Protein backbone atom coordinates (compact mmCIF):
# COMPACT_ATOMS: atom_id res chain seq x y z
CA MET A 1 9.37 7.35 -12.68
CA ARG A 2 6.01 6.98 -10.80
CA LEU A 3 4.36 4.56 -9.03
CA ARG A 4 0.44 4.38 -9.40
CA ILE A 5 -1.63 2.23 -6.98
CA PHE A 6 -4.97 1.18 -7.26
CA GLY A 7 -4.72 -1.97 -4.77
CA VAL A 8 -5.80 -0.14 -1.34
CA PRO A 9 -9.43 1.64 -2.22
CA LYS A 10 -9.01 5.81 -2.34
CA TYR A 11 -11.82 5.65 0.50
CA ILE A 12 -10.19 3.96 2.50
CA LEU A 13 -6.84 5.90 2.08
CA ILE A 14 -9.03 9.17 2.63
CA ALA A 15 -11.24 7.62 6.03
CA TYR A 16 -7.69 6.86 7.44
CA GLY A 17 -6.15 10.62 6.25
CA LEU A 18 -9.15 12.65 7.98
CA PHE A 19 -9.21 9.98 11.33
CA PRO A 20 -6.34 12.82 13.21
CA LEU A 21 -9.34 15.18 12.16
CA MET A 22 -11.98 12.69 13.74
CA LEU A 23 -9.90 12.71 17.23
CA TRP A 24 -9.32 16.04 16.93
CA SER A 25 -13.35 16.86 16.37
CA ALA A 26 -14.13 13.96 19.12
CA PHE A 27 -12.34 15.58 21.73
CA HIS A 28 -12.86 19.00 21.11
CA LEU A 29 -16.98 18.95 20.48
CA ASN A 30 -16.98 22.78 22.71
CA SER A 31 -14.64 24.00 20.06
CA ILE A 32 -16.61 23.07 16.89
CA TYR A 33 -20.05 24.56 18.80
CA TYR A 34 -18.55 27.61 20.98
CA HIS A 35 -14.92 28.48 19.03
CA ARG A 36 -15.87 28.17 15.40
CA GLU A 37 -12.73 30.05 14.24
CA GLU A 38 -10.56 27.46 16.32
CA ALA A 39 -12.58 24.75 14.39
CA PHE A 40 -12.36 26.05 11.51
CA TRP A 41 -8.62 26.13 10.87
CA ALA A 42 -8.22 22.35 12.80
CA PHE A 43 -10.41 21.22 9.91
CA GLY A 44 -8.49 23.52 7.39
CA PHE A 45 -5.77 21.51 8.22
CA GLY A 46 -6.83 17.73 8.79
CA ILE A 47 -8.17 18.02 5.16
CA LEU A 48 -5.24 19.29 3.74
CA VAL A 49 -3.41 16.86 5.48
CA CYS A 50 -5.55 14.45 4.44
CA SER A 51 -5.20 14.91 0.70
CA ILE A 52 -1.24 15.21 0.78
CA PHE A 53 -1.75 11.86 2.25
CA THR A 54 -4.63 9.77 -0.12
CA TYR A 55 -2.88 11.81 -3.28
CA SER A 56 0.57 10.83 -2.71
CA PHE A 57 0.03 7.35 -1.43
CA ARG A 58 -1.47 6.58 -4.16
CA ARG A 59 1.57 7.84 -6.17
CA GLY A 60 3.77 5.36 -4.53
CA ILE A 61 4.95 7.71 -1.85
CA PHE A 62 4.73 5.54 0.99
CA LEU A 63 6.76 7.73 3.22
CA ILE A 64 3.86 10.06 3.68
CA ARG A 65 2.23 7.33 5.95
CA TYR A 66 4.52 8.69 8.69
CA LEU A 67 2.90 12.03 8.32
CA ILE A 68 -0.26 10.64 9.77
CA TYR A 69 0.83 8.64 12.33
CA ALA A 70 2.76 11.66 13.44
CA SER A 71 -0.73 13.33 13.56
CA ILE A 72 -2.57 10.60 15.38
CA THR A 73 0.20 10.35 18.23
CA PHE A 74 0.31 13.92 18.81
CA GLU A 75 -3.36 14.19 19.35
CA ILE A 76 -3.59 10.94 21.09
CA LEU A 77 -1.07 12.20 23.72
CA VAL A 78 -2.33 15.62 23.72
CA GLU A 79 -5.63 14.09 25.56
CA LEU A 80 -4.43 11.31 27.28
CA LEU A 81 -1.97 12.99 30.04
CA PRO A 82 -4.34 15.47 31.05
CA SER A 83 -6.98 12.56 30.92
CA VAL A 84 -4.40 10.67 32.95
CA LEU A 85 -3.61 13.59 35.69
CA GLU A 86 -6.85 14.96 36.33
CA ARG A 87 -8.91 10.81 36.12
CA ASP A 88 -10.85 11.39 33.75
CA PHE A 89 -11.67 7.18 33.02
CA ALA A 90 -14.44 8.61 30.02
CA THR A 91 -11.91 10.60 27.92
CA LEU A 92 -8.88 8.00 28.94
CA GLY A 93 -10.84 5.11 27.92
CA GLY A 94 -12.13 7.31 24.09
CA THR A 95 -8.21 7.66 23.48
CA LEU A 96 -7.12 3.99 24.54
CA LEU A 97 -9.76 2.83 22.33
CA ALA A 98 -9.02 5.51 19.36
CA LEU A 99 -5.29 4.02 20.15
CA LEU A 100 -6.22 0.70 18.86
CA VAL A 101 -8.37 1.26 16.36
CA SER A 102 -5.15 3.62 14.60
CA ILE A 103 -2.84 0.97 15.41
CA GLY A 104 -4.98 -1.97 13.84
CA VAL A 105 -5.06 0.52 10.78
CA GLY A 106 -1.70 1.37 10.90
CA ALA A 107 -0.49 -2.44 10.72
CA TRP A 108 -3.57 -3.06 7.92
CA LEU A 109 -1.31 -0.32 5.71
CA GLU A 110 1.97 -1.76 6.81
CA GLY A 111 1.09 -5.14 5.54
CA LYS A 112 -0.18 -3.58 2.54
CA VAL A 113 2.94 -1.50 1.40
CA GLY A 114 5.16 -4.46 2.48
CA THR A 115 3.36 -6.93 -0.47
CA ALA A 116 5.53 -7.28 -3.97
CA PHE A 117 2.38 -6.41 -6.02
CA LEU A 118 2.24 -3.29 -4.69
CA ASN A 119 5.48 -1.76 -3.91
CA PRO A 120 8.31 -2.72 -6.20
CA ARG A 121 11.25 -0.89 -3.89
CA ALA A 122 11.98 0.90 -6.69
CA THR A 123 14.01 3.92 -5.83
CA TRP A 124 15.06 7.18 -7.92
CA PHE A 125 18.71 6.97 -7.11
CA GLU A 126 18.69 3.28 -8.19
CA GLY A 127 18.37 4.17 -11.69
CA GLU A 128 16.87 1.05 -13.69
CA PRO A 129 15.76 -1.43 -11.65
CA LYS A 130 17.05 -4.30 -11.01
CA VAL A 131 15.05 -8.16 -11.81
CA LEU A 132 15.47 -11.77 -10.26
CA PRO A 133 18.68 -12.42 -12.77
CA LYS A 134 18.24 -16.47 -12.44
CA VAL A 135 14.01 -16.20 -13.00
CA ARG A 136 12.49 -16.03 -16.55
CA ALA A 137 9.15 -13.97 -16.64
CA ARG A 138 6.58 -13.06 -19.41
CA ILE A 139 2.79 -12.14 -19.42
CA ARG A 140 0.11 -12.29 -21.78
CA LEU A 141 -1.40 -9.65 -23.61
CA GLY A 142 -3.92 -10.76 -25.61
CA GLU A 143 -2.45 -13.15 -28.19
CA THR A 144 0.79 -12.12 -27.95
CA TRP A 145 3.43 -12.75 -24.91
CA VAL A 146 5.37 -10.55 -23.92
CA PRO A 147 9.16 -11.47 -22.03
CA ALA A 148 9.32 -9.28 -18.49
CA GLY A 149 11.48 -9.38 -15.64
CA LEU A 150 10.42 -10.19 -12.21
CA ARG A 151 11.69 -7.47 -9.49
CA ARG A 152 9.31 -9.03 -6.42
CA ILE A 153 7.71 -11.80 -5.44
CA ASP A 154 5.81 -13.45 -2.42
CA GLU A 155 2.73 -15.43 -2.01
CA ARG A 156 0.33 -12.55 -2.41
CA GLY A 157 1.56 -11.11 -5.45
CA LEU A 158 4.44 -10.30 -7.87
CA PHE A 159 5.74 -7.07 -9.28
CA LEU A 160 7.07 -7.27 -13.05
CA LEU A 161 9.18 -5.11 -15.13
CA LEU A 162 8.80 -4.32 -19.17
CA ASP A 163 10.94 -3.27 -21.84
CA ALA A 164 7.90 -2.27 -24.23
CA GLY A 165 5.13 -0.33 -23.08
CA THR A 166 1.45 -1.22 -23.43
CA ASN A 167 -2.32 -0.58 -22.78
CA TYR A 168 -3.71 -1.51 -19.47
CA LYS A 169 -6.34 -0.95 -16.88
CA LYS A 170 -6.21 -1.11 -13.48
CA GLY A 171 -8.08 -4.02 -12.39
CA GLN A 172 -7.45 -6.45 -15.26
CA LYS A 173 -6.16 -9.46 -14.87
CA ILE A 174 -3.12 -10.70 -17.14
CA GLU A 175 -1.99 -14.44 -17.24
CA PHE A 176 1.48 -14.94 -16.42
CA GLU A 177 4.75 -17.45 -16.37
CA LEU A 178 7.71 -17.50 -14.40
CA THR A 179 10.53 -20.16 -14.80
CA TYR A 180 12.80 -21.37 -12.24
CA LEU A 181 15.60 -23.75 -13.17
CA GLY A 182 13.47 -24.88 -16.17
CA GLU A 183 10.38 -25.62 -14.11
CA PRO A 184 7.53 -23.04 -15.41
CA VAL A 185 4.83 -21.87 -13.76
CA GLN A 186 1.18 -20.02 -14.56
CA GLY A 187 -0.77 -18.09 -13.07
CA GLU A 188 -3.21 -14.82 -13.55
CA GLY A 189 -2.92 -11.91 -11.51
CA LYS A 190 -5.04 -8.47 -11.08
CA LEU A 191 -3.38 -5.25 -12.00
CA ARG A 192 -3.19 -3.66 -8.79
CA ALA A 193 0.18 -1.05 -9.24
CA CYS A 194 1.76 0.29 -12.20
CA PHE A 195 5.14 1.56 -12.89
CA LEU A 196 5.99 4.16 -15.20
CA GLY A 197 10.03 4.93 -15.58
CA GLU A 198 12.36 3.65 -17.95
CA LYS A 199 10.39 0.33 -17.95
CA LEU A 200 6.52 -0.59 -17.65
CA GLY A 201 6.03 -2.38 -14.42
CA PHE A 202 2.89 -4.47 -13.73
CA GLY A 203 2.09 -4.96 -9.94
CA LEU A 204 -0.35 -8.37 -9.86
CA GLN A 205 -2.19 -9.51 -7.32
CA PHE A 206 -1.94 -13.62 -7.33
CA TYR A 207 -5.45 -14.91 -8.31
CA PRO A 208 -4.57 -18.80 -8.44
CA LYS A 209 -7.09 -20.64 -11.09
CA ASP A 210 -7.13 -24.08 -8.85
CA LEU A 211 -5.41 -25.69 -6.31
CA TYR A 212 -2.77 -27.23 -8.63
CA HIS A 213 -1.14 -23.70 -9.99
CA PHE A 214 -1.82 -22.48 -6.30
CA ASN A 215 0.44 -25.03 -5.12
CA GLN A 216 3.08 -24.36 -8.14
CA TYR A 217 3.03 -20.39 -7.59
CA THR A 218 3.82 -20.70 -3.47
CA THR A 219 6.43 -23.41 -4.02
CA LEU A 220 8.19 -21.74 -6.46
CA VAL A 221 7.74 -18.61 -3.99
CA LYS A 222 9.36 -20.66 -0.91
CA ARG A 223 12.49 -21.77 -2.88
CA LEU A 224 12.91 -18.12 -3.96
CA ARG A 225 12.82 -17.29 -0.48
CA GLY A 226 15.04 -20.16 0.58
CA GLU A 227 17.79 -19.14 -1.99
CA GLY A 228 17.78 -15.45 -0.89
CA LEU A 229 16.37 -14.14 -4.36
């Protein structure tokens, strides 16, 4: 099974994937100017890490982000410890600033990974992904309503699984309807991820049509969360 992510812009992933290389470059300007061979290997390794990270993350291999976290942590520690021992306050200030930036971007990325519309939390050993049994769902494709199963839901969106395959375009808006205990909730979401396995999955970022639909949707999310679903 494969997961494709559209909801995180590629240029942000590339920039974050290059962050360890940018850190190294900022603290090793002399190597770039006078030790070309060292810089060549550093740039080659940094671009390779960025490519692996971007490619893997956009295909739902979210664990790859720890490779970037480890690279950033290693580079910061390598620069931080000597600057403390030598009381190099300029380098120390730059290192702490880099640490704050990396933590901020990392927290934003963790927030994205945790969203229901990007991450169905379906693993290869699970087999066919299970859906919430008490919630009936369907989506509108053209003039037809297609039944679906609700895999995950939160305030920002939901992940639906379909029995039949269909054409789709990233970013397209799709109407959905969820029914829980006989109460229907309608809404519209933008396609942010697609799951390809035994079933087709759509990750939809919720875009309320008005305040009424927003309140309906958030109330349903709170009810399901309160019942542990």
